[in-house]
N, C-alpha and C. Protein backbone atom coordinates (compact mmCIF):
# COMPACT_ATOMS: atom_id res chain seq x y z
N MET A 1 54.54 125.15 101.44
CA MET A 1 54.46 123.87 100.75
C MET A 1 53.71 124.06 99.44
N PHE A 2 54.03 123.24 98.47
CA PHE A 2 53.32 123.28 97.20
C PHE A 2 53.09 121.86 96.71
N ALA A 3 52.02 121.72 95.90
CA ALA A 3 51.66 120.39 95.40
C ALA A 3 52.08 120.27 93.95
N ARG A 4 52.57 119.11 93.60
CA ARG A 4 52.93 118.85 92.21
C ARG A 4 52.67 117.38 91.95
N GLY A 5 51.74 117.10 91.07
CA GLY A 5 51.43 115.72 90.73
C GLY A 5 50.87 114.94 91.91
N GLY A 6 50.16 115.59 92.81
CA GLY A 6 49.55 114.90 93.93
C GLY A 6 50.48 114.67 95.11
N VAL A 7 51.74 115.17 95.05
CA VAL A 7 52.68 115.00 96.13
C VAL A 7 53.02 116.37 96.70
N LEU A 8 53.06 116.46 98.00
CA LEU A 8 53.39 117.72 98.66
C LEU A 8 54.89 117.79 98.91
N PHE A 9 55.51 118.91 98.56
CA PHE A 9 56.92 119.14 98.80
C PHE A 9 57.08 120.34 99.71
N HIS A 10 57.95 120.26 100.64
CA HIS A 10 58.32 121.41 101.45
C HIS A 10 59.58 121.97 100.82
N ARG A 11 59.63 123.27 100.58
CA ARG A 11 60.79 123.88 99.89
C ARG A 11 62.10 123.57 100.60
N GLY A 12 62.10 123.58 101.91
CA GLY A 12 63.32 123.27 102.67
C GLY A 12 63.76 121.83 102.47
N THR A 13 62.81 120.92 102.44
CA THR A 13 63.12 119.51 102.23
C THR A 13 63.67 119.30 100.83
N LEU A 14 63.02 119.92 99.86
CA LEU A 14 63.47 119.81 98.48
C LEU A 14 64.88 120.37 98.33
N HIS A 15 65.16 121.50 98.98
CA HIS A 15 66.49 122.10 98.93
C HIS A 15 67.53 121.14 99.54
N ALA A 16 67.19 120.55 100.69
CA ALA A 16 68.11 119.62 101.35
C ALA A 16 68.39 118.40 100.47
N VAL A 17 67.36 117.87 99.83
CA VAL A 17 67.53 116.72 98.94
C VAL A 17 68.44 117.09 97.77
N LEU A 18 68.26 118.25 97.19
CA LEU A 18 69.10 118.69 96.07
C LEU A 18 70.55 118.87 96.50
N VAL A 19 70.78 119.42 97.68
CA VAL A 19 72.14 119.59 98.18
C VAL A 19 72.81 118.23 98.41
N ILE A 20 72.07 117.32 99.02
CA ILE A 20 72.61 115.96 99.26
C ILE A 20 72.96 115.29 97.94
N CYS A 21 72.09 115.41 96.95
CA CYS A 21 72.36 114.82 95.63
C CYS A 21 73.60 115.43 95.00
N ALA A 22 73.74 116.74 95.08
CA ALA A 22 74.90 117.41 94.50
C ALA A 22 76.20 116.97 95.17
N VAL A 23 76.18 116.87 96.50
CA VAL A 23 77.37 116.44 97.23
C VAL A 23 77.70 114.99 96.90
N SER A 24 76.68 114.12 96.90
CA SER A 24 76.95 112.71 96.64
C SER A 24 77.43 112.48 95.22
N MET A 25 77.01 113.31 94.28
CA MET A 25 77.48 113.16 92.91
C MET A 25 78.94 113.58 92.78
N SER A 26 79.41 114.45 93.64
CA SER A 26 80.80 114.88 93.56
C SER A 26 81.75 113.91 94.25
N VAL A 27 81.27 113.05 95.14
CA VAL A 27 82.12 112.13 95.88
C VAL A 27 82.83 111.14 94.97
N PRO A 28 82.15 110.46 94.02
CA PRO A 28 82.89 109.51 93.19
C PRO A 28 84.04 110.16 92.41
N ARG A 29 83.85 111.40 91.94
CA ARG A 29 84.92 112.09 91.24
C ARG A 29 86.11 112.28 92.16
N PHE A 30 85.85 112.70 93.40
CA PHE A 30 86.91 112.89 94.38
C PHE A 30 87.58 111.55 94.69
N ALA A 31 86.79 110.49 94.86
CA ALA A 31 87.34 109.17 95.16
C ALA A 31 88.24 108.69 94.04
N ARG A 32 87.81 108.88 92.79
CA ARG A 32 88.64 108.46 91.67
C ARG A 32 89.94 109.25 91.63
N ALA A 33 89.90 110.49 92.05
CA ALA A 33 91.11 111.31 92.07
C ALA A 33 92.14 110.77 93.06
N GLN A 34 91.69 110.05 94.09
CA GLN A 34 92.57 109.51 95.10
C GLN A 34 93.29 108.24 94.64
N GLN A 35 92.95 107.69 93.48
CA GLN A 35 93.59 106.48 92.98
C GLN A 35 94.96 106.86 92.44
N ASN A 36 95.95 106.85 93.31
CA ASN A 36 97.26 107.31 92.88
C ASN A 36 98.35 106.26 93.02
N HIS A 37 98.00 105.01 93.30
CA HIS A 37 98.99 103.96 93.43
C HIS A 37 98.99 103.08 92.19
N GLU A 38 100.16 102.85 91.63
CA GLU A 38 100.28 101.86 90.56
C GLU A 38 100.16 100.49 91.20
N VAL A 39 99.52 99.55 90.50
CA VAL A 39 99.19 98.25 91.10
C VAL A 39 100.06 97.14 90.51
N ILE A 40 100.57 96.30 91.40
CA ILE A 40 101.29 95.07 91.03
C ILE A 40 100.35 93.90 91.31
N VAL A 41 100.33 92.92 90.41
CA VAL A 41 99.50 91.73 90.60
C VAL A 41 100.41 90.50 90.66
N GLN A 42 100.19 89.67 91.67
CA GLN A 42 100.88 88.40 91.79
C GLN A 42 99.81 87.32 91.73
N ASN A 43 99.85 86.48 90.71
CA ASN A 43 98.83 85.44 90.53
C ASN A 43 99.31 84.11 91.09
N GLY A 44 98.37 83.36 91.68
CA GLY A 44 98.66 82.01 92.14
C GLY A 44 99.64 81.91 93.29
N VAL A 45 99.64 82.87 94.19
CA VAL A 45 100.55 82.84 95.34
C VAL A 45 100.06 81.76 96.31
N SER A 46 100.96 80.87 96.70
CA SER A 46 100.60 79.71 97.53
C SER A 46 100.79 79.97 99.01
N MET A 47 99.94 79.35 99.79
CA MET A 47 100.11 79.29 101.24
C MET A 47 99.70 77.89 101.68
N LYS A 48 100.28 77.42 102.78
CA LYS A 48 99.95 76.10 103.33
C LYS A 48 99.07 76.27 104.56
N THR A 49 98.03 75.45 104.64
CA THR A 49 97.18 75.43 105.83
C THR A 49 97.84 74.56 106.89
N ARG A 50 97.29 74.55 108.08
CA ARG A 50 97.84 73.77 109.19
C ARG A 50 97.89 72.28 108.89
N ASP A 51 97.00 71.78 107.99
CA ASP A 51 97.03 70.35 107.66
C ASP A 51 97.74 70.07 106.34
N GLY A 52 98.50 71.06 105.84
CA GLY A 52 99.37 70.86 104.69
C GLY A 52 98.75 71.07 103.33
N VAL A 53 97.51 71.52 103.24
CA VAL A 53 96.86 71.76 101.95
C VAL A 53 97.30 73.12 101.42
N THR A 54 97.58 73.18 100.12
CA THR A 54 98.00 74.43 99.49
C THR A 54 96.78 75.17 98.97
N LEU A 55 96.63 76.42 99.42
CA LEU A 55 95.60 77.32 98.90
C LEU A 55 96.30 78.40 98.10
N ARG A 56 95.64 78.84 97.02
CA ARG A 56 96.27 79.83 96.14
C ARG A 56 95.43 81.11 96.07
N ALA A 57 96.16 82.20 95.97
CA ALA A 57 95.51 83.51 95.95
C ALA A 57 96.15 84.41 94.91
N ASP A 58 95.39 85.37 94.43
CA ASP A 58 95.93 86.45 93.63
C ASP A 58 96.05 87.66 94.54
N ILE A 59 97.17 88.35 94.45
CA ILE A 59 97.42 89.49 95.32
C ILE A 59 97.58 90.74 94.46
N TYR A 60 96.80 91.75 94.78
CA TYR A 60 96.85 93.06 94.13
C TYR A 60 97.38 94.02 95.19
N ARG A 61 98.46 94.74 94.85
CA ARG A 61 99.03 95.62 95.87
C ARG A 61 99.66 96.85 95.23
N PRO A 62 99.78 97.91 96.01
CA PRO A 62 100.46 99.09 95.49
C PRO A 62 101.92 98.78 95.20
N ARG A 63 102.43 99.34 94.12
CA ARG A 63 103.85 99.16 93.77
C ARG A 63 104.74 99.89 94.77
N ASP A 64 104.21 100.90 95.42
CA ASP A 64 104.99 101.72 96.35
C ASP A 64 105.56 100.89 97.50
N ASP A 65 106.71 101.35 98.02
CA ASP A 65 107.26 100.73 99.22
C ASP A 65 106.37 101.09 100.39
N GLY A 66 106.39 100.26 101.39
CA GLY A 66 105.61 100.54 102.58
C GLY A 66 104.73 99.37 102.93
N LYS A 67 104.01 99.55 104.02
CA LYS A 67 103.09 98.51 104.50
C LYS A 67 101.68 99.07 104.43
N PHE A 68 100.74 98.22 104.01
CA PHE A 68 99.37 98.65 103.75
C PHE A 68 98.38 97.71 104.43
N PRO A 69 97.17 98.19 104.74
CA PRO A 69 96.13 97.29 105.25
C PRO A 69 95.72 96.30 104.17
N VAL A 70 95.22 95.16 104.59
CA VAL A 70 94.86 94.09 103.66
C VAL A 70 93.35 93.88 103.67
N ILE A 71 92.79 93.73 102.47
CA ILE A 71 91.40 93.33 102.29
C ILE A 71 91.44 91.91 101.73
N LEU A 72 90.82 90.98 102.45
CA LEU A 72 90.84 89.56 102.07
C LEU A 72 89.47 89.15 101.55
N MET A 73 89.48 88.47 100.40
CA MET A 73 88.26 87.86 99.85
C MET A 73 88.57 86.38 99.63
N ARG A 74 87.84 85.51 100.30
CA ARG A 74 87.97 84.06 100.10
C ARG A 74 86.71 83.61 99.37
N THR A 75 86.89 82.82 98.31
CA THR A 75 85.73 82.50 97.48
C THR A 75 85.76 81.09 96.91
N PRO A 76 84.59 80.48 96.77
CA PRO A 76 84.49 79.23 96.02
C PRO A 76 84.15 79.49 94.55
N TYR A 77 84.12 80.77 94.14
CA TYR A 77 83.60 81.15 92.82
C TYR A 77 84.65 81.60 91.82
N ASP A 78 85.90 81.23 91.91
CA ASP A 78 86.98 81.51 90.98
C ASP A 78 87.54 82.92 91.13
N LYS A 79 88.66 82.99 91.77
CA LYS A 79 89.33 84.25 92.08
C LYS A 79 89.77 85.03 90.85
N SER A 80 89.87 84.39 89.70
CA SER A 80 90.35 85.08 88.50
C SER A 80 89.22 85.65 87.65
N SER A 81 87.98 85.56 88.14
CA SER A 81 86.84 86.12 87.40
C SER A 81 86.84 87.64 87.50
N GLY A 82 86.17 88.27 86.56
CA GLY A 82 86.10 89.72 86.50
C GLY A 82 85.54 90.35 87.76
N TRP A 83 84.61 89.67 88.44
CA TRP A 83 84.01 90.23 89.64
C TRP A 83 85.05 90.43 90.73
N ALA A 84 86.13 89.64 90.71
CA ALA A 84 87.18 89.77 91.73
C ALA A 84 88.35 90.62 91.24
N VAL A 85 88.65 90.52 89.95
CA VAL A 85 89.80 91.23 89.39
C VAL A 85 89.58 92.75 89.43
N SER A 86 88.43 93.20 88.98
CA SER A 86 88.17 94.64 88.91
C SER A 86 88.27 95.32 90.28
N PRO A 87 87.57 94.82 91.31
CA PRO A 87 87.74 95.46 92.63
C PRO A 87 89.17 95.32 93.16
N GLY A 88 89.85 94.23 92.80
CA GLY A 88 91.23 94.06 93.24
C GLY A 88 92.10 95.23 92.80
N TYR A 89 92.00 95.58 91.51
CA TYR A 89 92.76 96.72 90.99
C TYR A 89 92.29 98.03 91.62
N GLN A 90 90.98 98.23 91.70
CA GLN A 90 90.45 99.50 92.22
C GLN A 90 90.86 99.74 93.67
N ILE A 91 90.74 98.71 94.50
CA ILE A 91 91.03 98.87 95.91
C ILE A 91 92.53 99.05 96.13
N ALA A 92 93.36 98.28 95.42
CA ALA A 92 94.81 98.39 95.56
C ALA A 92 95.28 99.78 95.13
N ALA A 93 94.64 100.38 94.15
CA ALA A 93 95.00 101.72 93.70
C ALA A 93 94.78 102.76 94.79
N HIS A 94 93.96 102.42 95.79
CA HIS A 94 93.68 103.31 96.91
C HIS A 94 94.60 103.06 98.11
N GLY A 95 95.60 102.19 97.95
CA GLY A 95 96.54 101.99 99.04
C GLY A 95 96.24 100.80 99.93
N TYR A 96 95.59 99.78 99.39
CA TYR A 96 95.32 98.55 100.13
C TYR A 96 95.96 97.39 99.40
N VAL A 97 96.28 96.34 100.14
CA VAL A 97 96.65 95.07 99.55
C VAL A 97 95.36 94.26 99.48
N VAL A 98 95.05 93.69 98.31
CA VAL A 98 93.85 92.89 98.15
C VAL A 98 94.28 91.46 97.86
N VAL A 99 93.81 90.53 98.68
CA VAL A 99 94.12 89.12 98.51
C VAL A 99 92.81 88.40 98.20
N VAL A 100 92.75 87.77 97.01
CA VAL A 100 91.56 87.02 96.60
C VAL A 100 91.98 85.56 96.51
N GLN A 101 91.38 84.73 97.37
CA GLN A 101 91.82 83.34 97.50
C GLN A 101 90.70 82.37 97.13
N ASP A 102 91.05 81.36 96.32
CA ASP A 102 90.14 80.25 96.08
C ASP A 102 90.14 79.38 97.33
N VAL A 103 88.95 79.02 97.84
CA VAL A 103 88.88 78.17 99.02
C VAL A 103 89.33 76.75 98.68
N ARG A 104 89.56 75.98 99.68
CA ARG A 104 90.02 74.60 99.55
C ARG A 104 89.17 73.82 98.54
N GLY A 105 89.89 73.17 97.59
CA GLY A 105 89.22 72.29 96.64
C GLY A 105 88.54 72.99 95.48
N ARG A 106 88.66 74.30 95.36
CA ARG A 106 88.00 75.04 94.28
C ARG A 106 89.06 75.72 93.40
N TYR A 107 88.87 75.58 92.10
CA TYR A 107 89.70 76.21 91.08
C TYR A 107 91.17 75.93 91.28
N THR A 108 91.99 76.89 91.71
CA THR A 108 93.43 76.66 91.77
C THR A 108 93.92 76.11 93.11
N SER A 109 93.06 76.07 94.12
CA SER A 109 93.48 75.58 95.44
C SER A 109 93.36 74.06 95.51
N ASP A 110 94.29 73.45 96.23
CA ASP A 110 94.31 72.00 96.39
C ASP A 110 93.28 71.56 97.44
N GLY A 111 93.15 70.25 97.60
CA GLY A 111 92.27 69.68 98.60
C GLY A 111 90.90 69.36 98.04
N ASP A 112 90.05 68.86 98.91
CA ASP A 112 88.68 68.50 98.54
C ASP A 112 87.73 69.56 99.07
N PHE A 113 86.76 69.92 98.24
CA PHE A 113 85.79 70.94 98.62
C PHE A 113 84.60 70.31 99.34
N TYR A 114 84.45 70.64 100.59
CA TYR A 114 83.27 70.29 101.38
C TYR A 114 82.77 71.61 101.94
N PRO A 115 81.63 72.11 101.44
CA PRO A 115 81.19 73.45 101.86
C PRO A 115 81.23 73.63 103.38
N PHE A 116 81.98 74.63 103.80
CA PHE A 116 82.05 75.12 105.17
C PHE A 116 82.75 74.19 106.16
N LEU A 117 83.21 73.03 105.74
CA LEU A 117 83.86 72.11 106.66
C LEU A 117 85.20 72.65 107.17
N HIS A 118 85.98 73.22 106.28
CA HIS A 118 87.33 73.67 106.65
C HIS A 118 87.45 75.19 106.77
N GLU A 119 86.34 75.91 106.65
CA GLU A 119 86.41 77.37 106.56
C GLU A 119 87.00 78.03 107.80
N SER A 120 86.67 77.56 108.97
CA SER A 120 87.20 78.20 110.18
C SER A 120 88.72 78.11 110.23
N ASN A 121 89.25 76.90 110.12
CA ASN A 121 90.70 76.73 110.20
C ASN A 121 91.42 77.35 109.01
N ASP A 122 90.89 77.13 107.80
CA ASP A 122 91.54 77.71 106.62
C ASP A 122 91.49 79.24 106.67
N GLY A 123 90.36 79.78 107.10
CA GLY A 123 90.24 81.23 107.21
C GLY A 123 91.19 81.79 108.25
N TYR A 124 91.29 81.13 109.38
CA TYR A 124 92.22 81.53 110.44
C TYR A 124 93.65 81.55 109.88
N ASP A 125 94.04 80.45 109.24
CA ASP A 125 95.40 80.34 108.69
C ASP A 125 95.65 81.42 107.63
N THR A 126 94.64 81.70 106.82
CA THR A 126 94.79 82.71 105.77
C THR A 126 94.95 84.10 106.36
N VAL A 127 94.15 84.44 107.37
CA VAL A 127 94.29 85.76 108.00
C VAL A 127 95.67 85.91 108.62
N GLU A 128 96.16 84.87 109.28
CA GLU A 128 97.51 84.90 109.85
C GLU A 128 98.55 85.12 108.74
N TRP A 129 98.37 84.42 107.63
CA TRP A 129 99.31 84.51 106.51
C TRP A 129 99.32 85.91 105.91
N VAL A 130 98.14 86.46 105.61
CA VAL A 130 98.11 87.79 104.96
C VAL A 130 98.59 88.88 105.91
N ALA A 131 98.32 88.73 107.21
CA ALA A 131 98.79 89.74 108.17
C ALA A 131 100.32 89.76 108.25
N ALA A 132 100.95 88.62 107.94
CA ALA A 132 102.41 88.52 108.02
C ALA A 132 103.11 88.80 106.69
N LEU A 133 102.38 89.07 105.62
CA LEU A 133 103.02 89.38 104.34
C LEU A 133 103.93 90.60 104.51
N PRO A 134 105.04 90.67 103.78
CA PRO A 134 106.01 91.76 104.00
C PRO A 134 105.45 93.15 103.70
N TYR A 135 104.42 93.26 102.91
CA TYR A 135 103.84 94.56 102.57
C TYR A 135 102.53 94.82 103.32
N SER A 136 102.20 93.97 104.30
CA SER A 136 101.00 94.14 105.12
C SER A 136 101.36 94.89 106.40
N ASN A 137 100.46 95.79 106.82
CA ASN A 137 100.67 96.47 108.10
C ASN A 137 100.04 95.69 109.26
N GLY A 138 99.53 94.49 108.98
CA GLY A 138 98.95 93.64 110.01
C GLY A 138 97.46 93.83 110.22
N LYS A 139 96.87 94.83 109.58
CA LYS A 139 95.42 95.05 109.71
C LYS A 139 94.73 94.34 108.55
N VAL A 140 93.75 93.50 108.89
CA VAL A 140 93.08 92.68 107.89
C VAL A 140 91.58 92.90 107.98
N GLY A 141 90.95 93.17 106.85
CA GLY A 141 89.50 93.25 106.74
C GLY A 141 89.05 92.26 105.69
N MET A 142 87.77 91.91 105.70
CA MET A 142 87.25 90.96 104.72
C MET A 142 86.06 91.55 104.00
N MET A 143 85.92 91.19 102.74
CA MET A 143 84.74 91.55 101.96
C MET A 143 84.50 90.47 100.93
N GLY A 144 83.32 90.50 100.31
CA GLY A 144 83.04 89.54 99.26
C GLY A 144 81.58 89.18 99.16
N ALA A 145 81.33 88.08 98.51
CA ALA A 145 79.98 87.59 98.24
C ALA A 145 79.35 87.03 99.52
N PRO A 146 78.06 86.67 99.46
CA PRO A 146 77.38 86.17 100.66
C PRO A 146 78.09 85.01 101.35
N THR A 147 78.76 84.15 100.61
CA THR A 147 79.48 83.05 101.23
C THR A 147 80.52 83.60 102.19
N SER A 148 81.14 84.72 101.84
CA SER A 148 82.15 85.32 102.70
C SER A 148 81.57 85.80 104.02
N VAL A 149 80.29 86.12 104.03
CA VAL A 149 79.64 86.51 105.28
C VAL A 149 79.75 85.35 106.27
N GLN A 150 79.51 84.14 105.80
CA GLN A 150 79.61 82.98 106.67
C GLN A 150 81.06 82.76 107.10
N HIS A 151 82.01 82.95 106.17
CA HIS A 151 83.42 82.81 106.52
C HIS A 151 83.77 83.78 107.63
N LYS A 152 83.31 85.01 107.50
CA LYS A 152 83.60 86.05 108.49
C LYS A 152 83.01 85.69 109.84
N CYS A 153 81.79 85.19 109.86
CA CYS A 153 81.16 84.82 111.13
C CYS A 153 81.95 83.72 111.82
N TRP A 154 82.42 82.74 111.07
CA TRP A 154 83.21 81.67 111.68
C TRP A 154 84.53 82.21 112.21
N LEU A 155 85.16 83.11 111.46
CA LEU A 155 86.42 83.67 111.92
C LEU A 155 86.22 84.48 113.20
N ARG A 156 85.10 85.20 113.28
CA ARG A 156 84.82 86.01 114.47
C ARG A 156 84.68 85.12 115.71
N SER A 157 84.23 83.86 115.51
CA SER A 157 84.02 82.97 116.66
C SER A 157 85.33 82.38 117.16
N LEU A 158 86.40 82.49 116.39
CA LEU A 158 87.69 81.96 116.81
C LEU A 158 88.44 82.99 117.65
N THR A 159 89.39 82.54 118.42
CA THR A 159 90.22 83.48 119.17
C THR A 159 91.46 83.78 118.35
N LEU A 160 91.27 84.57 117.33
CA LEU A 160 92.32 84.95 116.40
C LEU A 160 93.19 86.02 117.05
N PRO A 161 94.49 85.80 117.12
CA PRO A 161 95.36 86.78 117.78
C PRO A 161 95.22 88.19 117.20
N ILE A 162 94.94 88.30 115.93
CA ILE A 162 94.82 89.62 115.33
C ILE A 162 93.37 89.98 115.04
N SER A 163 92.42 89.31 115.70
CA SER A 163 91.00 89.54 115.40
C SER A 163 90.58 90.98 115.68
N ARG A 164 91.32 91.68 116.53
CA ARG A 164 90.97 93.08 116.78
C ARG A 164 91.07 93.90 115.50
N ASN A 165 91.82 93.39 114.51
CA ASN A 165 91.96 94.10 113.25
C ASN A 165 90.88 93.74 112.23
N LEU A 166 90.05 92.75 112.52
CA LEU A 166 88.94 92.41 111.64
C LEU A 166 87.78 93.30 112.04
N SER A 167 87.69 94.45 111.43
CA SER A 167 86.72 95.45 111.88
C SER A 167 85.46 95.44 111.04
N ARG A 168 84.39 95.97 111.60
CA ARG A 168 83.10 96.06 110.91
C ARG A 168 82.98 97.41 110.22
N GLY A 169 82.23 97.43 109.12
CA GLY A 169 81.87 98.68 108.47
C GLY A 169 82.83 99.15 107.40
N ASP A 170 84.07 98.68 107.40
CA ASP A 170 85.04 99.17 106.43
C ASP A 170 84.63 98.90 105.00
N GLY A 171 83.99 97.76 104.76
CA GLY A 171 83.61 97.41 103.39
C GLY A 171 82.61 98.38 102.80
N GLU A 172 81.64 98.82 103.61
CA GLU A 172 80.68 99.80 103.10
C GLU A 172 81.39 101.10 102.77
N GLN A 173 82.34 101.49 103.61
CA GLN A 173 83.08 102.71 103.35
C GLN A 173 83.89 102.56 102.06
N LEU A 174 84.52 101.38 101.85
CA LEU A 174 85.25 101.14 100.61
C LEU A 174 84.32 101.24 99.41
N SER A 175 83.12 100.70 99.52
CA SER A 175 82.17 100.77 98.41
C SER A 175 81.87 102.21 98.04
N ARG A 176 81.69 103.06 99.05
CA ARG A 176 81.43 104.48 98.77
C ARG A 176 82.64 105.13 98.15
N TRP A 177 83.83 104.87 98.69
CA TRP A 177 85.03 105.48 98.16
C TRP A 177 85.28 105.09 96.72
N LEU A 178 85.01 103.84 96.40
CA LEU A 178 85.35 103.31 95.09
C LEU A 178 84.22 103.40 94.08
N ASP A 179 83.05 103.86 94.51
CA ASP A 179 81.89 103.93 93.63
C ASP A 179 81.58 102.56 93.04
N VAL A 180 81.68 101.53 93.89
CA VAL A 180 81.40 100.16 93.48
C VAL A 180 79.99 99.82 93.91
N SER A 181 79.26 99.15 93.07
CA SER A 181 77.90 98.74 93.41
C SER A 181 77.91 97.89 94.67
N ARG A 182 76.99 98.19 95.59
CA ARG A 182 76.91 97.40 96.82
C ARG A 182 76.54 95.96 96.51
N ARG A 183 75.85 95.73 95.41
CA ARG A 183 75.46 94.37 95.07
C ARG A 183 76.68 93.57 94.63
N SER A 184 77.62 94.19 93.91
CA SER A 184 78.77 93.44 93.40
C SER A 184 79.93 93.42 94.38
N ALA A 185 79.91 94.26 95.40
CA ALA A 185 81.00 94.27 96.38
C ALA A 185 80.42 94.29 97.79
N ARG A 186 79.58 93.31 98.07
CA ARG A 186 78.92 93.24 99.36
C ARG A 186 79.97 93.02 100.45
N ALA A 187 80.01 93.89 101.39
CA ALA A 187 81.06 93.85 102.40
C ALA A 187 80.61 93.08 103.62
N VAL A 188 81.56 92.44 104.26
CA VAL A 188 81.25 91.68 105.46
C VAL A 188 82.11 92.12 106.63
N VAL A 189 82.79 93.23 106.49
CA VAL A 189 83.60 93.70 107.62
C VAL A 189 82.78 94.58 108.51
């Protein structure tokens, strides 16, 4: 061991830290290399809830033929803002369909906004809708801002036929793959 500036370092520990840093610095380069899908964007795609209200979403998806897993973000904070658009393109380039939806009564979606009143049913209907999209493989995960954490908790409490596909941990893995700040892409899966 040796002292430097009042702190003791063990050579083995220092070596391990340097190796971890070197490996972690190479991961974003590798992740960016995996972005091989051209992205198609569909703005303002409509869906109807069980009570007839129209909700609108922007969909980012690979141009390639095939079926892909879906990442859903439901927000009261404007789906067309840069915070949603940038990850939409990045994630879709990695082979995911990204659906960013304005919640009921906010921005482009119809209805009246009452915080959290309709989230369970609207979220349920939205997950069913995105799982049935022609380019979806039926697997749905969710990510987004803190409000989405509450949406996810309510959805977990429902008996959603495809709830087995709403998995935990995927959002953190996406953040690492995409080199996205955990603060700007807080995951709730």
